[in-house]
Every structure is written in structure tokens, then in C-alpha cells.
PDB file of N, CA and C in Angstrom:
ATOM      1  N   MET A   1       4.535 -14.751  11.013  1.00  0.00           N
ATOM      2  CA  MET A   1       5.070 -13.727  10.140  1.00  0.00           C
ATOM      3  C   MET A   1       3.968 -12.732   9.804  1.00  0.00           C
ATOM      4  N   SER A   2       4.317 -11.451   9.791  1.00  0.00           N
ATOM      5  CA  SER A   2       3.391 -10.391   9.397  1.00  0.00           C
ATOM      6  C   SER A   2       3.817  -9.824   8.054  1.00  0.00           C
ATOM      7  N   VAL A   3       2.828  -9.401   7.293  1.00  0.00           N
ATOM      8  CA  VAL A   3       3.069  -8.821   5.974  1.00  0.00           C
ATOM      9  C   VAL A   3       2.443  -7.436   5.935  1.00  0.00           C
ATOM     10  N   GLY A   4       3.140  -6.522   5.297  1.00  0.00           N
ATOM     11  CA  GLY A   4       2.615  -5.182   5.102  1.00  0.00           C
ATOM     12  C   GLY A   4       3.028  -4.663   3.740  1.00  0.00           C
ATOM     13  N   TYR A   5       2.276  -3.693   3.269  1.00  0.00           N
ATOM     14  CA  TYR A   5       2.607  -3.007   2.020  1.00  0.00           C
ATOM     15  C   TYR A   5       2.936  -1.570   2.368  1.00  0.00           C
ATOM     16  N   VAL A   6       3.950  -1.034   1.738  1.00  0.00           N
ATOM     17  CA  VAL A   6       4.362   0.343   1.993  1.00  0.00           C
ATOM     18  C   VAL A   6       4.293   1.110   0.681  1.00  0.00           C
ATOM     19  N   LEU A   7       3.484   2.168   0.680  1.00  0.00           N
ATOM     20  CA  LEU A   7       3.418   3.087  -0.443  1.00  0.00           C
ATOM     21  C   LEU A   7       4.439   4.176  -0.179  1.00  0.00           C
ATOM     22  N   VAL A   8       5.292   4.431  -1.148  1.00  0.00           N
ATOM     23  CA  VAL A   8       6.416   5.351  -0.957  1.00  0.00           C
ATOM     24  C   VAL A   8       6.338   6.476  -1.978  1.00  0.00           C
ATOM     25  N   ASN A   9       6.493   7.703  -1.491  1.00  0.00           N
ATOM     26  CA  ASN A   9       6.655   8.865  -2.360  1.00  0.00           C
ATOM     27  C   ASN A   9       8.103   9.315  -2.263  1.00  0.00           C
ATOM     28  N   VAL A  10       8.660   9.703  -3.405  1.00  0.00           N
ATOM     29  CA  VAL A  10      10.052  10.134  -3.440  1.00  0.00           C
ATOM     30  C   VAL A  10      10.160  11.483  -4.127  1.00  0.00           C
ATOM     31  N   ASP A  11      11.296  12.126  -3.934  1.00  0.00           N
ATOM     32  CA  ASP A  11      11.576  13.384  -4.611  1.00  0.00           C
ATOM     33  C   ASP A  11      11.675  13.131  -6.114  1.00  0.00           C
ATOM     34  N   PRO A  12      11.258  14.094  -6.925  1.00  0.00           N
ATOM     35  CA  PRO A  12      11.348  13.911  -8.382  1.00  0.00           C
ATOM     36  C   PRO A  12      12.768  13.528  -8.815  1.00  0.00           C
ATOM     37  N   GLY A  13      12.859  12.494  -9.625  1.00  0.00           N
ATOM     38  CA  GLY A  13      14.143  12.029 -10.139  1.00  0.00           C
ATOM     39  C   GLY A  13      14.829  10.990  -9.282  1.00  0.00           C
ATOM     40  N   ALA A  14      14.307  10.729  -8.081  1.00  0.00           N
ATOM     41  CA  ALA A  14      14.951   9.775  -7.171  1.00  0.00           C
ATOM     42  C   ALA A  14      14.329   8.384  -7.224  1.00  0.00           C
ATOM     43  N   GLU A  15      13.362   8.187  -8.095  1.00  0.00           N
ATOM     44  CA  GLU A  15      12.622   6.926  -8.124  1.00  0.00           C
ATOM     45  C   GLU A  15      13.528   5.712  -8.283  1.00  0.00           C
ATOM     46  N   LEU A  16      14.377   5.725  -9.266  1.00  0.00           N
ATOM     47  CA  LEU A  16      15.216   4.554  -9.546  1.00  0.00           C
ATOM     48  C   LEU A  16      16.238   4.302  -8.440  1.00  0.00           C
ATOM     49  N   ASP A  17      16.833   5.362  -7.900  1.00  0.00           N
ATOM     50  CA  ASP A  17      17.799   5.194  -6.812  1.00  0.00           C
ATOM     51  C   ASP A  17      17.134   4.573  -5.583  1.00  0.00           C
ATOM     52  N   VAL A  18      15.961   5.073  -5.217  1.00  0.00           N
ATOM     53  CA  VAL A  18      15.255   4.534  -4.056  1.00  0.00           C
ATOM     54  C   VAL A  18      14.834   3.096  -4.325  1.00  0.00           C
ATOM     55  N   PHE A  19      14.312   2.823  -5.518  1.00  0.00           N
ATOM     56  CA  PHE A  19      13.913   1.470  -5.889  1.00  0.00           C
ATOM     57  C   PHE A  19      15.088   0.502  -5.761  1.00  0.00           C
ATOM     58  N   ASN A  20      16.238   0.876  -6.289  1.00  0.00           N
ATOM     59  CA  ASN A  20      17.413   0.005  -6.220  1.00  0.00           C
ATOM     60  C   ASN A  20      17.859  -0.230  -4.782  1.00  0.00           C
ATOM     61  N   THR A  21      17.750   0.782  -3.944  1.00  0.00           N
ATOM     62  CA  THR A  21      18.149   0.643  -2.540  1.00  0.00           C
ATOM     63  C   THR A  21      17.208  -0.283  -1.787  1.00  0.00           C
ATOM     64  N   VAL A  22      15.900  -0.048  -1.885  1.00  0.00           N
ATOM     65  CA  VAL A  22      14.953  -0.867  -1.118  1.00  0.00           C
ATOM     66  C   VAL A  22      14.912  -2.305  -1.616  1.00  0.00           C
ATOM     67  N   SER A  23      15.177  -2.511  -2.877  1.00  0.00           N
ATOM     68  CA  SER A  23      15.141  -3.867  -3.438  1.00  0.00           C
ATOM     69  C   SER A  23      16.205  -4.772  -2.823  1.00  0.00           C
ATOM     70  N   LYS A  24      17.242  -4.193  -2.246  1.00  0.00           N
ATOM     71  CA  LYS A  24      18.324  -4.964  -1.637  1.00  0.00           C
ATOM     72  C   LYS A  24      18.040  -5.362  -0.188  1.00  0.00           C
ATOM     73  N   PHE A  25      17.032  -4.750   0.438  1.00  0.00           N
ATOM     74  CA  PHE A  25      16.716  -5.083   1.828  1.00  0.00           C
ATOM     75  C   PHE A  25      16.144  -6.492   1.909  1.00  0.00           C
ATOM     76  N   PRO A  26      16.617  -7.323   2.830  1.00  0.00           N
ATOM     77  CA  PRO A  26      16.142  -8.708   2.901  1.00  0.00           C
ATOM     78  C   PRO A  26      14.672  -8.832   3.296  1.00  0.00           C
ATOM     79  N   PHE A  27      14.117  -7.841   3.959  1.00  0.00           N
ATOM     80  CA  PHE A  27      12.718  -7.900   4.385  1.00  0.00           C
ATOM     81  C   PHE A  27      11.755  -7.438   3.297  1.00  0.00           C
ATOM     82  N   VAL A  28      12.272  -6.876   2.198  1.00  0.00           N
ATOM     83  CA  VAL A  28      11.424  -6.467   1.082  1.00  0.00           C
ATOM     84  C   VAL A  28      11.235  -7.670   0.166  1.00  0.00           C
ATOM     85  N   ILE A  29      10.017  -8.176   0.142  1.00  0.00           N
ATOM     86  CA  ILE A  29       9.685  -9.375  -0.629  1.00  0.00           C
ATOM     87  C   ILE A  29       9.440  -9.030  -2.093  1.00  0.00           C
ATOM     88  N   ASP A  30       8.883  -7.839  -2.350  1.00  0.00           N
ATOM     89  CA  ASP A  30       8.588  -7.397  -3.710  1.00  0.00           C
ATOM     90  C   ASP A  30       8.610  -5.878  -3.728  1.00  0.00           C
ATOM     91  N   ALA A  31       9.073  -5.315  -4.825  1.00  0.00           N
ATOM     92  CA  ALA A  31       9.117  -3.860  -4.993  1.00  0.00           C
ATOM     93  C   ALA A  31       8.741  -3.529  -6.434  1.00  0.00           C
ATOM     94  N   ASN A  32       7.885  -2.518  -6.575  1.00  0.00           N
ATOM     95  CA  ASN A  32       7.455  -2.106  -7.909  1.00  0.00           C
ATOM     96  C   ASN A  32       7.357  -0.598  -7.998  1.00  0.00           C
ATOM     97  N   LEU A  33       7.786  -0.055  -9.137  1.00  0.00           N
ATOM     98  CA  LEU A  33       7.594   1.356  -9.430  1.00  0.00           C
ATOM     99  C   LEU A  33       6.155   1.563  -9.880  1.00  0.00           C
ATOM    100  N   LEU A  34       5.572   2.707  -9.537  1.00  0.00           N
ATOM    101  CA  LEU A  34       4.184   3.000  -9.851  1.00  0.00           C
ATOM    102  C   LEU A  34       4.055   4.305 -10.630  1.00  0.00           C
ATOM    103  N   PHE A  35       2.927   4.443 -11.313  1.00  0.00           N
ATOM    104  CA  PHE A  35       2.493   5.720 -11.863  1.00  0.00           C
ATOM    105  C   PHE A  35       1.286   6.147 -11.042  1.00  0.00           C
ATOM    106  N   GLY A  36       1.162   7.411 -10.749  1.00  0.00           N
ATOM    107  CA  GLY A  36      -0.005   7.878  -9.996  1.00  0.00           C
ATOM    108  C   GLY A  36       0.386   8.601  -8.727  1.00  0.00           C
ATOM    109  N   ASP A  37      -0.444   8.430  -7.697  1.00  0.00           N
ATOM    110  CA  ASP A  37      -0.262   9.167  -6.449  1.00  0.00           C
ATOM    111  C   ASP A  37       0.974   8.756  -5.668  1.00  0.00           C
ATOM    112  N   HIS A  38       1.457   7.534  -5.869  1.00  0.00           N
ATOM    113  CA  HIS A  38       2.626   7.029  -5.162  1.00  0.00           C
ATOM    114  C   HIS A  38       3.659   6.569  -6.183  1.00  0.00           C
ATOM    115  N   ASP A  39       4.926   6.557  -5.766  1.00  0.00           N
ATOM    116  CA  ASP A  39       6.014   6.222  -6.686  1.00  0.00           C
ATOM    117  C   ASP A  39       6.450   4.761  -6.615  1.00  0.00           C
ATOM    118  N   LEU A  40       6.335   4.159  -5.434  1.00  0.00           N
ATOM    119  CA  LEU A  40       6.713   2.757  -5.262  1.00  0.00           C
ATOM    120  C   LEU A  40       5.720   2.072  -4.340  1.00  0.00           C
ATOM    121  N   ILE A  41       5.607   0.755  -4.507  1.00  0.00           N
ATOM    122  CA  ILE A  41       4.897  -0.070  -3.540  1.00  0.00           C
ATOM    123  C   ILE A  41       5.829  -1.220  -3.166  1.00  0.00           C
ATOM    124  N   LEU A  42       5.939  -1.446  -1.866  1.00  0.00           N
ATOM    125  CA  LEU A  42       6.816  -2.493  -1.345  1.00  0.00           C
ATOM    126  C   LEU A  42       5.984  -3.492  -0.560  1.00  0.00           C
ATOM    127  N   LYS A  43       6.269  -4.754  -0.718  1.00  0.00           N
ATOM    128  CA  LYS A  43       5.695  -5.790   0.134  1.00  0.00           C
ATOM    129  C   LYS A  43       6.797  -6.190   1.095  1.00  0.00           C
ATOM    130  N   ILE A  44       6.531  -6.051   2.390  1.00  0.00           N
ATOM    131  CA  ILE A  44       7.560  -6.372   3.372  1.00  0.00           C
ATOM    132  C   ILE A  44       7.036  -7.422   4.345  1.00  0.00           C
ATOM    133  N   GLU A  45       7.980  -8.161   4.917  1.00  0.00           N
ATOM    134  CA  GLU A  45       7.648  -9.247   5.828  1.00  0.00           C
ATOM    135  C   GLU A  45       8.552  -9.155   7.056  1.00  0.00           C
ATOM    136  N   ALA A  46       7.950  -9.358   8.223  1.00  0.00           N
ATOM    137  CA  ALA A  46       8.707  -9.330   9.482  1.00  0.00           C
ATOM    138  C   ALA A  46       7.963 -10.180  10.511  1.00  0.00           C
ATOM    139  N   ASN A  47       8.544 -10.314  11.681  1.00  0.00           N
ATOM    140  CA  ASN A  47       7.946 -11.150  12.727  1.00  0.00           C
ATOM    141  C   ASN A  47       6.578 -10.651  13.173  1.00  0.00           C
ATOM    142  N   ASP A  48       6.428  -9.345  13.312  1.00  0.00           N
ATOM    143  CA  ASP A  48       5.151  -8.773  13.751  1.00  0.00           C
ATOM    144  C   ASP A  48       5.046  -7.338  13.239  1.00  0.00           C
ATOM    145  N   MET A  49       3.891  -6.717  13.477  1.00  0.00           N
ATOM    146  CA  MET A  49       3.667  -5.366  12.969  1.00  0.00           C
ATOM    147  C   MET A  49       4.599  -4.348  13.620  1.00  0.00           C
ATOM    148  N   GLY A  50       5.009  -4.594  14.832  1.00  0.00           N
ATOM    149  CA  GLY A  50       5.971  -3.703  15.478  1.00  0.00           C
ATOM    150  C   GLY A  50       7.289  -3.684  14.725  1.00  0.00           C
ATOM    151  N   ASP A  51       7.732  -4.866  14.301  1.00  0.00           N
ATOM    152  CA  ASP A  51       8.969  -4.952  13.520  1.00  0.00           C
ATOM    153  C   ASP A  51       8.806  -4.252  12.176  1.00  0.00           C
ATOM    154  N   ILE A  52       7.647  -4.422  11.549  1.00  0.00           N
ATOM    155  CA  ILE A  52       7.406  -3.741  10.272  1.00  0.00           C
ATOM    156  C   ILE A  52       7.483  -2.232  10.460  1.00  0.00           C
ATOM    157  N   ALA A  53       6.853  -1.721  11.504  1.00  0.00           N
ATOM    158  CA  ALA A  53       6.892  -0.277  11.766  1.00  0.00           C
ATOM    159  C   ALA A  53       8.322   0.205  11.967  1.00  0.00           C
ATOM    160  N   ARG A  54       9.105  -0.544  12.738  1.00  0.00           N
ATOM    161  CA  ARG A  54      10.499  -0.150  12.975  1.00  0.00           C
ATOM    162  C   ARG A  54      11.311  -0.186  11.683  1.00  0.00           C
ATOM    163  N   LEU A  55      11.101  -1.191  10.838  1.00  0.00           N
ATOM    164  CA  LEU A  55      11.832  -1.277   9.575  1.00  0.00           C
ATOM    165  C   LEU A  55      11.497  -0.111   8.652  1.00  0.00           C
ATOM    166  N   VAL A  56      10.227   0.264   8.626  1.00  0.00           N
ATOM    167  CA  VAL A  56       9.824   1.397   7.784  1.00  0.00           C
ATOM    168  C   VAL A  56      10.494   2.671   8.271  1.00  0.00           C
ATOM    169  N   VAL A  57      10.433   2.917   9.568  1.00  0.00           N
ATOM    170  CA  VAL A  57      10.997   4.159  10.113  1.00  0.00           C
ATOM    171  C   VAL A  57      12.512   4.193   9.990  1.00  0.00           C
ATOM    172  N   LYS A  58      13.178   3.124  10.394  1.00  0.00           N
ATOM    173  CA  LYS A  58      14.642   3.138  10.433  1.00  0.00           C
ATOM    174  C   LYS A  58      15.303   2.894   9.084  1.00  0.00           C
ATOM    175  N   SER A  59      14.715   2.048   8.250  1.00  0.00           N
ATOM    176  CA  SER A  59      15.384   1.668   7.005  1.00  0.00           C
ATOM    177  C   SER A  59      14.844   2.370   5.774  1.00  0.00           C
ATOM    178  N   ILE A  60      13.533   2.459   5.641  1.00  0.00           N
ATOM    179  CA  ILE A  60      12.957   3.018   4.411  1.00  0.00           C
ATOM    180  C   ILE A  60      12.895   4.536   4.456  1.00  0.00           C
ATOM    181  N   ARG A  61      12.375   5.090   5.536  1.00  0.00           N
ATOM    182  CA  ARG A  61      12.261   6.558   5.621  1.00  0.00           C
ATOM    183  C   ARG A  61      13.604   7.262   5.669  1.00  0.00           C
ATOM    184  N   SER A  62      14.647   6.549   6.022  1.00  0.00           N
ATOM    185  CA  SER A  62      15.967   7.186   6.122  1.00  0.00           C
ATOM    186  C   SER A  62      16.710   7.231   4.786  1.00  0.00           C
ATOM    187  N   ILE A  63      16.145   6.642   3.741  1.00  0.00           N
ATOM    188  CA  ILE A  63      16.791   6.641   2.425  1.00  0.00           C
ATOM    189  C   ILE A  63      16.713   8.049   1.833  1.00  0.00           C
ATOM    190  N   PRO A  64      17.825   8.589   1.372  1.00  0.00           N
ATOM    191  CA  PRO A  64      17.777   9.911   0.727  1.00  0.00           C
ATOM    192  C   PRO A  64      16.824   9.885  -0.467  1.00  0.00           C
ATOM    193  N   GLY A  65      15.948  10.871  -0.522  1.00  0.00           N
ATOM    194  CA  GLY A  65      14.985  10.969  -1.608  1.00  0.00           C
ATOM    195  C   GLY A  65      13.585  10.525  -1.219  1.00  0.00           C
ATOM    196  N   VAL A  66      13.439   9.762  -0.132  1.00  0.00           N
ATOM    197  CA  VAL A  66      12.109   9.350   0.321  1.00  0.00           C
ATOM    198  C   VAL A  66      11.452  10.538   1.024  1.00  0.00           C
ATOM    199  N   SER A  67      10.279  10.930   0.546  1.00  0.00           N
ATOM    200  CA  SER A  67       9.599  12.085   1.130  1.00  0.00           C
ATOM    201  C   SER A  67       8.409  11.696   2.007  1.00  0.00           C
ATOM    202  N   ASN A  68       7.808  10.520   1.763  1.00  0.00           N
ATOM    203  CA  ASN A  68       6.633  10.129   2.534  1.00  0.00           C
ATOM    204  C   ASN A  68       6.406   8.625   2.371  1.00  0.00           C
ATOM    205  N   THR A  69       5.853   8.013   3.420  1.00  0.00           N
ATOM    206  CA  THR A  69       5.461   6.597   3.329  1.00  0.00           C
ATOM    207  C   THR A  69       4.082   6.418   3.929  1.00  0.00           C
ATOM    208  N   LYS A  70       3.388   5.401   3.462  1.00  0.00           N
ATOM    209  CA  LYS A  70       2.110   4.990   4.045  1.00  0.00           C
ATOM    210  C   LYS A  70       2.158   3.468   4.152  1.00  0.00           C
ATOM    211  N   THR A  71       2.038   2.960   5.382  1.00  0.00           N
ATOM    212  CA  THR A  71       2.129   1.529   5.606  1.00  0.00           C
ATOM    213  C   THR A  71       0.729   0.940   5.753  1.00  0.00           C
ATOM    214  N   LEU A  72       0.490  -0.124   4.990  1.00  0.00           N
ATOM    215  CA  LEU A  72      -0.786  -0.835   5.035  1.00  0.00           C
ATOM    216  C   LEU A  72      -0.540  -2.202   5.652  1.00  0.00           C
ATOM    217  N   ALA A  73      -1.160  -2.465   6.785  1.00  0.00           N
ATOM    218  CA  ALA A  73      -0.963  -3.728   7.497  1.00  0.00           C
ATOM    219  C   ALA A  73      -1.958  -4.758   6.992  1.00  0.00           C
ATOM    220  N   CYS A  74      -1.480  -5.948   6.692  1.00  0.00           N
ATOM    221  CA  CYS A  74      -2.367  -7.036   6.289  1.00  0.00           C
ATOM    222  C   CYS A  74      -3.038  -7.627   7.522  1.00  0.00           C
ATOM    223  N   ALA A  75      -4.309  -7.973   7.369  1.00  0.00           N
ATOM    224  CA  ALA A  75      -5.071  -8.546   8.473  1.00  0.00           C
ATOM    225  C   ALA A  75      -4.580  -9.943   8.794  1.00  0.00           C
ATOM    226  N   GLU A  76      -4.489 -10.208  10.073  1.00  0.00           N
ATOM    227  CA  GLU A  76      -4.105 -11.538  10.541  1.00  0.00           C
ATOM    228  C   GLU A  76      -5.308 -12.132  11.256  1.00  0.00           C
ATOM    229  N   LEU A  77      -6.095 -12.921  10.525  1.00  0.00           N
ATOM    230  CA  LEU A  77      -7.321 -13.500  11.093  1.00  0.00           C
ATOM    231  C   LEU A  77      -7.090 -14.894  11.596  1.00  0.00           C
TER     232      LEU A  77
END
């Protein structure tokens, strides 16, 4: 299993709607609203980093109100 964190920026006023949507995805292990440079941080889990990348592009970036994402891959040593 691979784990990644996704920093999400959303359009002003869309924070709660996006949070509620991503929280329902089965691959999102944890979701938190943030103050600062990013609006949300998500912990996601998938079979490998390729799957994480596909989930971010197809599921998270396609949510109305999401303006930008930054995916941080956890090291697998």
C-alpha cells in the first residue's frame, strides 16, 4: 500500500463543499480543513503511487471548486 498527502486549494467559499465531497471517497483516510497557504490536506491510500496520481487527477481535481492540488508521496523504504 502507498500513502500520499494532497494539499488542496479551493475557490473562496467552496471549502466546506469540497471537504464534504472528498471525505466520502473510500481512498481518503483523513481530511482536514486548514488555515494558510492551502485549504485542505488529505491523506490518501492506494496500491501504488500510480494509483494515487490517477485518483488525484480523476477524482479530486474534478470536484467543482478545486483550483489546485499538490501531491506529496510518502517514502517507501
